Protein backbone atom coordinates (compact mmCIF):
# COMPACT_ATOMS: atom_id res chain seq x y z
CA UNK A 1 57.09 129.79 -2.22
CA UNK A 2 57.18 125.69 -2.64
CA UNK A 3 54.15 125.30 -0.25
CA UNK A 4 54.18 121.71 -0.76
CA UNK A 5 58.21 121.56 0.16
CA UNK A 6 57.02 123.52 3.18
CA UNK A 7 54.85 121.15 4.62
CA UNK A 8 51.66 121.79 3.60
CA UNK A 9 50.66 118.45 1.59
CA UNK A 10 54.00 117.46 2.06
CA UNK A 11 54.01 113.47 1.42
CA UNK A 12 50.26 113.40 0.21
CA UNK A 13 48.57 113.20 -2.69
CA UNK A 14 46.36 116.31 -3.19
CA UNK A 15 42.99 116.26 -3.11
CA UNK A 16 41.00 115.42 -6.26
CA UNK A 17 43.79 113.00 -7.13
CA UNK A 18 42.81 110.44 -4.27
CA UNK A 19 45.41 107.82 -3.91
CA UNK A 20 44.50 104.18 -4.02
CA UNK A 21 44.95 103.90 -0.26
CA UNK A 22 42.54 106.78 0.70
CA UNK A 23 39.50 105.19 -1.82
CA UNK A 24 38.74 102.66 0.93
CA UNK A 25 39.31 104.93 4.04
CA UNK A 26 36.57 107.26 2.39
CA UNK A 27 34.36 104.20 1.14
CA UNK A 28 34.30 102.66 4.59
CA UNK A 29 32.71 105.80 5.96
CA UNK A 30 30.06 106.33 3.68
CA UNK A 31 26.81 103.96 3.51
CA UNK A 32 26.30 104.53 -0.04
CA UNK A 33 29.84 104.17 -1.96
CA UNK A 34 28.87 106.04 -5.12
CA UNK A 35 27.28 109.29 -4.79
CA UNK A 36 29.26 110.51 -1.21
CA UNK A 37 32.78 109.54 -2.54
CA UNK A 38 31.95 111.74 -5.66
CA UNK A 39 30.82 114.69 -3.56
CA UNK A 40 34.24 114.38 -1.26
CA UNK A 41 36.06 114.65 -4.30
CA UNK A 42 34.51 117.41 -5.64
CA UNK A 43 34.99 118.97 -2.29
CA UNK A 44 38.24 118.46 -1.98
CA UNK A 45 39.11 119.67 -5.55
CA UNK A 46 36.85 122.74 -5.13
CA UNK A 47 39.79 123.12 -1.79
CA UNK A 48 42.54 122.25 -3.89
CA UNK A 49 41.80 124.63 -6.65
CA UNK A 50 41.30 127.60 -4.05
CA UNK A 51 44.97 126.51 -2.20
CA UNK A 52 46.65 126.45 -5.81
CA UNK A 53 45.17 130.25 -6.08
CA UNK A 54 46.48 131.38 -3.00
CA UNK A 55 49.69 129.43 -3.67
CA UNK A 56 50.41 131.69 -6.82
CA UNK A 57 49.05 134.78 -5.22
CA UNK A 58 52.01 134.16 -2.45
CA UNK A 59 54.28 133.74 -4.95
CA UNK A 60 53.71 136.79 -6.60
CA UNK A 61 53.78 138.54 -3.56
CA UNK A 62 56.96 137.18 -2.32
CA UNK A 63 58.63 138.16 -6.00
CA UNK A 64 57.61 141.50 -5.47
CA UNK A 65 58.59 141.98 -1.95
CA UNK A 66 61.94 140.61 -3.08
CA UNK A 67 62.47 142.71 -6.08
CA UNK A 68 61.28 145.67 -3.56
CA UNK A 69 64.04 144.88 -1.05
CA UNK A 70 66.52 144.21 -3.62
CA UNK A 71 65.52 147.67 -5.03
CA UNK A 72 65.91 149.41 -2.15
CA UNK A 73 69.18 147.75 -1.01
CA UNK A 74 70.27 148.92 -4.61
CA UNK A 75 69.60 152.29 -3.85
CA UNK A 76 71.19 152.57 -0.32
CA UNK A 77 74.36 150.70 -1.44
CA UNK A 78 77.27 151.73 0.74
CA UNK A 79 80.51 152.63 -1.14
CA UNK A 80 83.19 149.68 -0.77
CA UNK A 81 87.04 149.94 -0.05
CA UNK A 82 90.02 148.19 2.04
CA UNK A 83 93.30 148.85 2.71
CA UNK A 84 95.56 151.12 4.72
CA UNK A 85 95.09 151.90 8.28
CA UNK A 86 97.28 155.21 8.02
CA UNK A 87 94.13 157.25 6.87
CA UNK A 88 91.22 155.36 8.92
CA UNK A 89 90.91 157.42 11.54
CA UNK A 90 90.16 160.38 8.63
CA UNK A 91 88.23 158.53 6.22
CA UNK A 92 86.09 157.11 9.12
CA UNK A 93 85.24 160.89 10.18
CA UNK A 94 84.33 162.06 6.71
CA UNK A 95 82.47 158.67 6.20
CA UNK A 96 80.31 159.80 9.25
CA UNK A 97 79.56 163.26 8.20
CA UNK A 98 79.03 162.18 4.68
CA UNK A 99 76.30 159.52 5.60
CA UNK A 100 74.58 162.26 7.62
CA UNK A 101 74.59 164.52 4.71
CA UNK A 102 73.71 161.96 2.03
CA UNK A 103 72.47 158.94 3.43
CA UNK A 104 75.44 156.52 1.97
CA UNK A 105 77.72 154.92 3.97
CA UNK A 106 81.29 153.89 3.53
CA UNK A 107 82.24 150.13 4.19
CA UNK A 108 86.28 150.78 4.61
CA UNK A 109 87.90 147.42 5.64
CA UNK A 110 90.95 148.72 7.67
CA UNK A 111 93.11 145.85 6.99
CA UNK A 112 96.53 147.00 5.82
CA UNK A 113 97.68 148.61 2.45
CA UNK A 114 98.78 145.12 1.36
CA UNK A 115 95.17 143.64 2.23
CA UNK A 116 93.34 146.54 0.27
CA UNK A 117 95.94 146.09 -2.69
CA UNK A 118 95.01 142.30 -2.86
CA UNK A 119 91.40 143.32 -2.80
CA UNK A 120 91.32 145.75 -5.79
CA UNK A 121 93.16 143.62 -7.66
CA UNK A 122 90.74 140.51 -6.65
CA UNK A 123 87.66 143.28 -7.41
CA UNK A 124 85.95 142.47 -4.35
CA UNK A 125 85.68 146.11 -3.44
CA UNK A 126 85.42 149.45 -5.55
CA UNK A 127 88.52 150.97 -4.13
CA UNK A 128 91.77 149.77 -2.49
CA UNK A 129 93.96 152.03 -0.02
CA UNK A 130 97.42 152.45 0.31
CA UNK A 131 99.97 154.57 1.81
CA UNK A 132 102.81 152.88 -0.81
CA UNK A 133 101.94 154.25 -3.95
CA UNK A 134 101.87 151.36 -6.86
CA UNK A 135 104.70 151.98 -9.85
CA UNK A 136 102.94 153.06 -12.86
CA UNK A 137 103.97 149.78 -14.48
CA UNK A 138 101.70 147.94 -11.99
CA UNK A 139 98.68 150.01 -12.42
CA UNK A 140 99.38 149.90 -16.27
CA UNK A 141 99.23 145.77 -16.03
CA UNK A 142 96.20 146.08 -13.89
CA UNK A 143 94.26 148.87 -15.79
CA UNK A 144 94.12 151.09 -12.81
CA UNK A 145 94.52 154.89 -11.31
CA UNK A 146 95.99 155.96 -8.27
CA UNK A 147 95.79 159.39 -6.71
CA UNK A 148 96.58 160.81 -3.28
CA UNK A 149 93.65 161.53 -0.90
CA UNK A 150 95.50 163.11 1.97
CA UNK A 151 99.10 163.28 3.80
CA UNK A 152 100.21 162.68 7.37
CA UNK A 153 103.15 161.70 9.21
CA UNK A 154 104.68 158.49 10.67
CA UNK A 155 105.70 159.13 14.45
CA UNK A 156 107.82 156.61 16.61
CA UNK A 157 105.97 156.20 19.97
CA UNK A 158 107.40 154.42 23.24
CA UNK A 159 106.34 153.16 26.49
CA UNK A 160 109.17 154.27 28.92
CA UNK A 161 108.51 155.29 32.33
CA UNK A 162 108.60 159.05 33.15
CA UNK A 163 109.10 160.29 29.60
CA UNK A 164 106.46 162.63 28.58
CA UNK A 165 105.36 163.06 24.81
CA UNK A 166 108.45 165.17 22.58
CA UNK A 167 110.75 165.13 25.80
CA UNK A 168 112.88 162.76 24.08
CA UNK A 169 114.40 162.84 20.47
CA UNK A 170 115.85 160.29 17.93
CA UNK A 171 117.80 160.67 14.94
CA UNK A 172 117.40 158.19 11.59
CA UNK A 173 120.62 156.61 12.49
CA UNK A 174 119.69 155.33 16.11
CA UNK A 175 116.24 154.65 15.18
CA UNK A 176 117.45 152.18 12.63
CA UNK A 177 120.14 150.84 15.21
CA UNK A 178 117.21 149.86 17.21
CA UNK A 179 115.05 148.06 14.93
CA UNK A 180 118.51 146.48 14.04
CA UNK A 181 119.06 145.29 16.97
CA UNK A 182 122.47 146.69 17.56
CA UNK A 183 120.86 149.04 20.08
CA UNK A 184 118.98 147.31 23.07
CA UNK A 185 118.97 149.31 26.01
CA UNK A 186 117.13 153.01 26.25
CA UNK A 187 120.37 154.10 28.12
CA UNK A 188 122.45 153.19 25.38
CA UNK A 189 125.10 155.79 24.65
CA UNK A 190 123.98 157.28 21.08
CA UNK A 191 120.35 157.68 22.67
CA UNK A 192 121.90 159.65 25.79
CA UNK A 193 123.74 161.86 23.70
CA UNK A 194 120.90 162.95 22.03
CA UNK A 195 118.95 163.51 24.89
CA UNK A 196 121.02 165.52 27.24
CA UNK A 197 119.54 166.32 30.91
CA UNK A 198 116.68 163.60 30.07
CA UNK A 199 116.60 160.53 32.48
CA UNK A 200 117.02 157.20 30.69
CA UNK A 201 116.27 154.02 32.26
CA UNK A 202 118.72 150.94 32.06
CA UNK A 203 115.71 148.83 30.50
CA UNK A 204 115.36 146.60 27.32
CA UNK A 205 114.30 147.85 24.36
CA UNK A 206 111.20 145.83 23.01
CA UNK A 207 110.40 146.72 19.47
CA UNK A 208 107.00 146.84 18.10
CA UNK A 209 106.56 146.44 14.34
CA UNK A 210 103.73 145.44 11.85
CA UNK A 211 102.85 141.94 11.08
CA UNK A 212 100.83 142.61 7.97
CA UNK A 213 101.70 144.10 4.30
CA UNK A 214 101.81 147.89 5.45
CA UNK A 215 102.08 151.13 3.43
CA UNK A 216 103.07 152.65 7.05
CA UNK A 217 106.08 150.15 7.01
CA UNK A 218 106.83 150.60 3.66
CA UNK A 219 107.42 154.92 4.37
CA UNK A 220 109.22 153.86 7.75
CA UNK A 221 111.46 151.51 5.89
CA UNK A 222 111.96 153.82 2.94
CA UNK A 223 112.96 156.32 5.51
CA UNK A 224 115.32 154.16 7.40
CA UNK A 225 117.03 152.92 4.42
CA UNK A 226 117.39 156.63 3.28
CA UNK A 227 119.40 157.55 6.22
CA UNK A 228 120.87 154.03 7.19
CA UNK A 229 123.40 151.96 4.63
CA UNK A 230 122.99 149.01 6.76
CA UNK A 231 119.42 148.90 7.08
CA UNK A 232 119.37 149.44 3.15
CA UNK A 233 121.62 146.31 2.69
CA UNK A 234 120.33 144.09 5.45
CA UNK A 235 116.43 144.93 5.30
CA UNK A 236 115.52 146.63 2.61
CA UNK A 237 112.47 148.75 1.83
CA UNK A 238 108.97 146.88 1.38
CA UNK A 239 105.38 147.12 2.48
CA UNK A 240 106.34 143.80 4.21
CA UNK A 241 110.25 142.84 5.14
CA UNK A 242 111.97 140.37 7.17
CA UNK A 243 112.20 142.37 10.93
CA UNK A 244 115.37 141.83 12.42
CA UNK A 245 114.15 141.99 15.70
CA UNK A 246 110.51 142.72 17.52
CA UNK A 247 106.96 142.08 18.05
CA UNK A 248 104.50 141.85 15.08
CA UNK A 249 101.04 144.10 15.58
CA UNK A 250 98.46 143.68 12.71
CA UNK A 251 97.68 147.60 11.41
CA UNK A 252 98.25 150.99 13.09
CA UNK A 253 95.88 149.62 15.97
CA UNK A 254 97.60 146.72 16.86
CA UNK A 255 101.73 148.30 17.18
CA UNK A 256 99.90 150.65 18.99
CA UNK A 257 98.37 148.32 21.31
CA UNK A 258 102.07 146.41 21.62
CA UNK A 259 103.25 149.85 22.63
CA UNK A 260 100.78 150.79 25.32
CA UNK A 261 100.65 147.45 27.09
CA UNK A 262 104.52 146.77 26.82
CA UNK A 263 107.00 148.80 29.43
CA UNK A 264 110.48 149.53 27.74
CA UNK A 265 108.46 149.56 23.78
CA UNK A 266 109.01 151.09 20.94
CA UNK A 267 106.90 151.55 17.56
CA UNK A 268 105.64 153.48 14.87
CA UNK A 269 102.18 154.81 14.07
CA UNK A 270 100.61 157.30 12.09
CA UNK A 271 99.92 160.07 14.20
CA UNK A 272 96.19 160.27 14.63
CA UNK A 273 96.71 156.88 16.30
CA UNK A 274 99.16 158.30 18.67
CA UNK A 275 96.95 161.22 19.65
CA UNK A 276 93.89 159.37 20.25
CA UNK A 277 95.63 156.50 21.93
CA UNK A 278 97.55 159.29 24.27
CA UNK A 279 100.69 157.68 23.22
CA UNK A 280 104.50 159.41 24.19
CA UNK A 281 105.75 160.10 20.32
CA UNK A 282 109.36 161.41 20.20
CA UNK A 283 110.47 164.47 18.47
CA UNK A 284 113.20 163.57 15.31
CA UNK A 285 115.99 165.32 14.03
CA UNK A 286 115.46 166.01 10.44
CA UNK A 287 117.45 165.79 6.99
CA UNK A 288 118.44 169.36 7.99
CA UNK A 289 119.80 168.68 11.13
CA UNK A 290 116.84 170.43 12.84
CA UNK A 291 114.89 169.02 15.55
CA UNK A 292 111.25 168.90 14.74
CA UNK A 293 107.90 167.74 16.43
CA UNK A 294 105.21 165.41 14.64
CA UNK A 295 102.35 168.19 13.82
CA UNK A 296 100.37 169.11 10.67
CA UNK A 297 102.69 171.96 10.35
CA UNK A 298 105.78 169.77 9.78
CA UNK A 299 104.02 167.41 7.97
CA UNK A 300 102.87 170.14 5.85
CA UNK A 301 106.46 171.61 5.64
CA UNK A 302 107.56 168.36 4.15
CA UNK A 303 104.80 168.07 1.56
CA UNK A 304 105.80 171.58 0.30
CA UNK A 305 108.66 169.65 -1.57
CA UNK A 306 106.06 167.56 -3.52
CA UNK A 307 105.86 168.29 -7.09
CA UNK A 308 102.87 165.95 -8.15
CA UNK A 309 102.31 167.66 -11.58
CA UNK A 310 105.77 165.86 -12.44
CA UNK A 311 104.95 162.54 -11.65
CA UNK A 312 103.61 159.60 -13.47
CA UNK A 313 100.10 158.11 -11.74
CA UNK A 314 101.06 160.22 -8.88
CA UNK A 315 103.67 158.26 -8.13
CA UNK A 316 105.80 160.46 -5.45
CA UNK A 317 107.37 159.32 -1.67
CA UNK A 318 107.44 161.90 0.59
CA UNK A 319 110.06 160.47 3.24
CA UNK A 320 113.40 162.81 4.38
CA UNK A 321 112.60 165.88 2.59
CA UNK A 322 114.73 168.59 2.79
CA UNK A 323 113.90 171.61 4.88
CA UNK A 324 114.14 173.27 8.28
CA UNK A 325 110.53 172.47 9.67
CA UNK A 326 110.02 169.05 7.19
CA UNK A 327 108.90 166.29 9.36
CA UNK A 328 110.78 163.19 8.06
CA UNK A 329 108.49 160.54 8.23
CA UNK A 330 105.73 162.30 6.24
CA UNK A 331 103.69 160.15 3.75
CA UNK A 332 100.52 160.61 1.32
CA UNK A 333 98.39 158.08 1.57
CA UNK A 334 96.46 156.81 -2.21
CA UNK A 335 93.30 155.62 -3.64
CA UNK A 336 93.35 152.70 -6.41
CA UNK A 337 90.23 152.27 -9.03
CA UNK A 338 90.08 150.68 -12.05
CA UNK A 339 89.72 152.76 -15.10
CA UNK A 340 87.06 150.57 -16.53
CA UNK A 341 85.04 149.49 -13.59
CA UNK A 342 82.76 146.46 -13.40
CA UNK A 343 79.98 148.99 -11.95
CA UNK A 344 80.32 152.46 -13.34
CA UNK A 345 77.64 153.38 -10.96
CA UNK A 346 79.48 152.26 -7.76
CA UNK A 347 82.68 153.87 -9.01
CA UNK A 348 80.56 157.33 -9.97
CA UNK A 349 79.45 156.88 -6.22
CA UNK A 350 83.06 156.48 -5.07
CA UNK A 351 84.15 159.21 -6.66
CA UNK A 352 81.14 161.69 -5.62
CA UNK A 353 82.67 160.61 -1.97
CA UNK A 354 86.05 161.71 -2.52
CA UNK A 355 85.13 165.11 -4.27
CA UNK A 356 82.92 165.64 -1.36
CA UNK A 357 85.76 164.95 1.04
CA UNK A 358 88.41 167.15 -0.71
CA UNK A 359 85.94 169.94 -0.69
CA UNK A 360 84.53 169.57 2.47
CA UNK A 361 86.71 167.49 4.78
CA UNK A 362 89.69 169.86 5.00
CA UNK A 363 88.90 171.10 8.38
CA UNK A 364 88.15 167.48 9.62
CA UNK A 365 91.80 166.56 8.06
CA UNK A 366 93.15 169.22 10.04
CA UNK A 367 91.63 168.54 13.29
CA UNK A 368 93.27 165.24 13.41
CA UNK A 369 96.76 166.80 12.11
CA UNK A 370 96.32 165.05 8.64
CA UNK A 371 97.49 167.38 5.69
CA UNK A 372 94.78 168.05 3.18
CA UNK A 373 95.70 167.91 -0.71
CA UNK A 374 96.16 171.67 -2.56
CA UNK A 375 93.30 172.74 -4.66
CA UNK A 376 96.17 172.58 -7.55
CA UNK A 377 96.76 168.84 -6.81
CA UNK A 378 92.97 168.06 -6.38
CA UNK A 379 92.46 169.70 -9.83
CA UNK A 380 94.99 167.57 -11.44
CA UNK A 381 93.41 164.33 -9.75
CA UNK A 382 89.46 164.95 -11.06
CA UNK A 383 91.37 165.43 -14.18
CA UNK A 384 92.91 162.18 -13.81
CA UNK A 385 89.23 160.99 -13.32
CA UNK A 386 87.96 162.54 -16.06
CA UNK A 387 90.71 161.41 -18.60
CA UNK A 388 91.13 157.86 -17.35
CA UNK A 389 87.85 156.20 -15.62
CA UNK A 390 85.37 155.43 -18.08
CA UNK A 391 82.50 153.46 -19.66
CA UNK A 392 81.52 152.48 -23.02
CA UNK A 393 84.68 154.87 -24.12
CA UNK A 394 82.86 157.76 -21.81
CA UNK A 395 83.99 159.22 -18.89
CA UNK A 396 81.81 158.80 -15.82
CA UNK A 397 83.32 161.87 -14.48
CA UNK A 398 81.92 165.09 -15.62
């Protein structure tokens, strides 16, 4: 604590070392210039020594206090992560329950899968989250691993006057043509053929899509490419694409807001966002030609085809799975962490949270229509933690 710099005695010479301009002033105020001056100097020196002592004491107190604050902050440090908006509703619910139980919070930035991958690569967070799984070679180059945390579904949502949730259905080819800009009216013959008896307005279609790098977009475009050769050749599959038509919104939240505010619009969001925002979702015709509604049951039916044990780094995409009850746009969301973390303590804290979520968060996931990972997959995941995440050659997870 620099008292002089903070104002005390700033710009003056300390007592006991009286400056040249001060001596005449003191002498003018004394009848006898000798003794009173010496007494004044002695008194001032005495007070200066007291102030120096106070200054040192305050400095020690300040350092001790700073140390205490730092230690408290370190003990109560939250888990840091960033990425996918797809799982944000369930991560938020888990985080709230976990903090109440342990006192440890989750500082999760719901910025999209692309942003999460950038942040984990920059090592500004303990974990990244992405609905687009990274390929094994990319993870190897990073020195990282990934694992699935929970599964859910991407659903088309519409804002059409008079249409209720689940009243209307689409198939993959028609959905692709809407996003290609080939179908521009809601009463188009292709849509009408799928929806006999549904009163479709002669209204222009306003297409909404993600403007940011998005794992939700990756899974959506993966599905469209699988069902539409034109989409596969003209647009392709990626977390961020050159959209032929439409309005961009940031995050699932942004697309949901755009659709809610725009009559005649269509968008795609994770199912929990559709429910939370009371949006009108459509049913879909799946790979087996069956009409299915979005739900945790139809997501689970698609996920039942997943063989996680035969994957490398859990790289698996669940879109357009076979099965009469399978939802065609089912997806898993992934966590990404380094094998040799900069802070083993931070990584261990994060792993404890994920372990808790696997074991205690399944009911909460189901309440939001996410699909929890099966026990067999959780065992594979936690074995991968033990085998890969290390400090000094030793596993941090036992």
